[in-house]
Every structure is written in structure tokens, then in C-alpha cells.
Amino acid sequence: MRYTQLRSFHAVAEVGSVTGAARRLHVSQPTLTSQIRALEEHYAV
């Protein structure tokens, strides 16, 4: 687990959408989705 993955998850939770969180973090939506997926795999959810 990395800080960027937690930051991504937090942004999605705050904003309420992956697209909005990606805009806020200045990353592409596929990049953000990949970071969230890696976090989910780490915790097996």
C-alpha cells in the first residue's frame, strides 16, 4: 500500500466520484482507477 493509493481513495470518498477525484488530483481516470484497484487487492476486497 502506498500513500498515493490512500490519497486516491480519500479523494473519491470526499468528491463522490472517480472522475471528479481524478480531476481534483490532476491524474487521469484510468490511473486513479488503477490505484484504487491496487488498494482493493492489497486488502482483498
N, C-alpha and C. Protein backbone atom coordinates (compact mmCIF):
# COMPACT_ATOMS: atom_id res chain seq x y z
N MET A 1 0.86 -1.17 0.00
CA MET A 1 0.00 0.00 0.00
C MET A 1 0.90 1.23 0.00
N ARG A 2 0.50 2.20 -0.80
CA ARG A 2 1.27 3.43 -0.89
C ARG A 2 0.39 4.62 -0.54
N TYR A 3 1.05 5.71 -0.23
CA TYR A 3 0.34 6.94 0.11
C TYR A 3 -0.57 7.38 -1.03
N THR A 4 -0.11 7.26 -2.26
CA THR A 4 -0.94 7.70 -3.39
C THR A 4 -2.24 6.92 -3.48
N GLN A 5 -2.19 5.65 -3.11
CA GLN A 5 -3.42 4.84 -3.13
C GLN A 5 -4.40 5.32 -2.08
N LEU A 6 -3.90 5.61 -0.89
CA LEU A 6 -4.78 6.13 0.16
C LEU A 6 -5.33 7.50 -0.20
N ARG A 7 -4.48 8.33 -0.77
CA ARG A 7 -4.91 9.67 -1.18
C ARG A 7 -6.00 9.56 -2.25
N SER A 8 -5.84 8.63 -3.16
CA SER A 8 -6.84 8.42 -4.21
C SER A 8 -8.17 7.98 -3.62
N PHE A 9 -8.13 7.01 -2.72
CA PHE A 9 -9.34 6.53 -2.06
C PHE A 9 -10.03 7.66 -1.31
N HIS A 10 -9.27 8.44 -0.59
CA HIS A 10 -9.82 9.55 0.18
C HIS A 10 -10.49 10.57 -0.74
N ALA A 11 -9.85 10.88 -1.85
CA ALA A 11 -10.42 11.85 -2.79
C ALA A 11 -11.74 11.35 -3.37
N VAL A 12 -11.81 10.08 -3.72
CA VAL A 12 -13.06 9.52 -4.25
C VAL A 12 -14.15 9.60 -3.19
N ALA A 13 -13.81 9.28 -1.95
CA ALA A 13 -14.80 9.34 -0.87
C ALA A 13 -15.28 10.76 -0.64
N GLU A 14 -14.39 11.73 -0.70
CA GLU A 14 -14.78 13.13 -0.49
C GLU A 14 -15.62 13.68 -1.63
N VAL A 15 -15.17 13.44 -2.85
CA VAL A 15 -15.82 14.01 -4.03
C VAL A 15 -17.08 13.24 -4.41
N GLY A 16 -17.03 11.93 -4.24
CA GLY A 16 -18.20 11.12 -4.55
C GLY A 16 -18.18 10.48 -5.93
N SER A 17 -17.11 10.73 -6.68
CA SER A 17 -16.99 10.10 -7.99
C SER A 17 -15.52 9.95 -8.36
N VAL A 18 -15.25 8.94 -9.16
CA VAL A 18 -13.87 8.71 -9.60
C VAL A 18 -13.43 9.82 -10.56
N THR A 19 -14.32 10.22 -11.44
CA THR A 19 -13.98 11.27 -12.41
C THR A 19 -13.65 12.58 -11.71
N GLY A 20 -14.48 12.96 -10.75
CA GLY A 20 -14.24 14.19 -10.00
C GLY A 20 -12.96 14.13 -9.19
N ALA A 21 -12.70 12.98 -8.59
CA ALA A 21 -11.48 12.81 -7.81
C ALA A 21 -10.25 12.88 -8.71
N ALA A 22 -10.34 12.30 -9.89
CA ALA A 22 -9.21 12.35 -10.83
C ALA A 22 -8.92 13.80 -11.23
N ARG A 23 -9.96 14.56 -11.48
CA ARG A 23 -9.76 15.98 -11.79
C ARG A 23 -9.09 16.70 -10.63
N ARG A 24 -9.56 16.44 -9.43
CA ARG A 24 -9.02 17.10 -8.24
C ARG A 24 -7.54 16.77 -8.03
N LEU A 25 -7.19 15.51 -8.30
CA LEU A 25 -5.81 15.07 -8.08
C LEU A 25 -4.91 15.30 -9.30
N HIS A 26 -5.49 15.79 -10.39
CA HIS A 26 -4.75 16.05 -11.63
C HIS A 26 -4.11 14.78 -12.18
N VAL A 27 -4.89 13.70 -12.20
CA VAL A 27 -4.47 12.45 -12.82
C VAL A 27 -5.59 11.98 -13.73
N SER A 28 -5.27 11.04 -14.60
CA SER A 28 -6.31 10.51 -15.48
C SER A 28 -7.22 9.56 -14.70
N GLN A 29 -8.43 9.39 -15.20
CA GLN A 29 -9.38 8.48 -14.54
C GLN A 29 -8.86 7.04 -14.54
N PRO A 30 -8.25 6.55 -15.64
CA PRO A 30 -7.71 5.19 -15.59
C PRO A 30 -6.59 5.02 -14.55
N THR A 31 -5.77 6.05 -14.37
CA THR A 31 -4.71 5.99 -13.37
C THR A 31 -5.30 5.90 -11.98
N LEU A 32 -6.30 6.71 -11.71
CA LEU A 32 -6.95 6.69 -10.40
C LEU A 32 -7.63 5.34 -10.15
N THR A 33 -8.30 4.82 -11.15
CA THR A 33 -8.95 3.52 -11.02
C THR A 33 -7.92 2.43 -10.72
N SER A 34 -6.78 2.50 -11.37
CA SER A 34 -5.71 1.53 -11.13
C SER A 34 -5.19 1.61 -9.70
N GLN A 35 -5.06 2.82 -9.18
CA GLN A 35 -4.59 2.99 -7.80
C GLN A 35 -5.60 2.43 -6.81
N ILE A 36 -6.88 2.66 -7.06
CA ILE A 36 -7.93 2.12 -6.18
C ILE A 36 -7.94 0.59 -6.27
N ARG A 37 -7.81 0.06 -7.47
CA ARG A 37 -7.80 -1.39 -7.66
C ARG A 37 -6.63 -2.03 -6.90
N ALA A 38 -5.47 -1.41 -6.93
CA ALA A 38 -4.30 -1.94 -6.21
C ALA A 38 -4.56 -1.93 -4.70
N LEU A 39 -5.21 -0.90 -4.21
CA LEU A 39 -5.55 -0.83 -2.79
C LEU A 39 -6.54 -1.93 -2.42
N GLU A 40 -7.53 -2.16 -3.28
CA GLU A 40 -8.50 -3.23 -3.04
C GLU A 40 -7.82 -4.60 -3.03
N GLU A 41 -6.90 -4.81 -3.94
CA GLU A 41 -6.19 -6.08 -3.99
C GLU A 41 -5.34 -6.28 -2.74
N HIS A 42 -4.73 -5.22 -2.27
CA HIS A 42 -3.90 -5.30 -1.06
C HIS A 42 -4.72 -5.77 0.13
N TYR A 43 -5.95 -5.27 0.24
CA TYR A 43 -6.82 -5.62 1.36
C TYR A 43 -7.82 -6.73 1.03
N ALA A 44 -7.71 -7.29 -0.15
CA ALA A 44 -8.57 -8.40 -0.59
C ALA A 44 -10.05 -8.07 -0.48
N VAL A 45 -10.42 -6.91 -1.01
CA VAL A 45 -11.84 -6.52 -1.05
C VAL A 45 -12.28 -6.33 -2.48
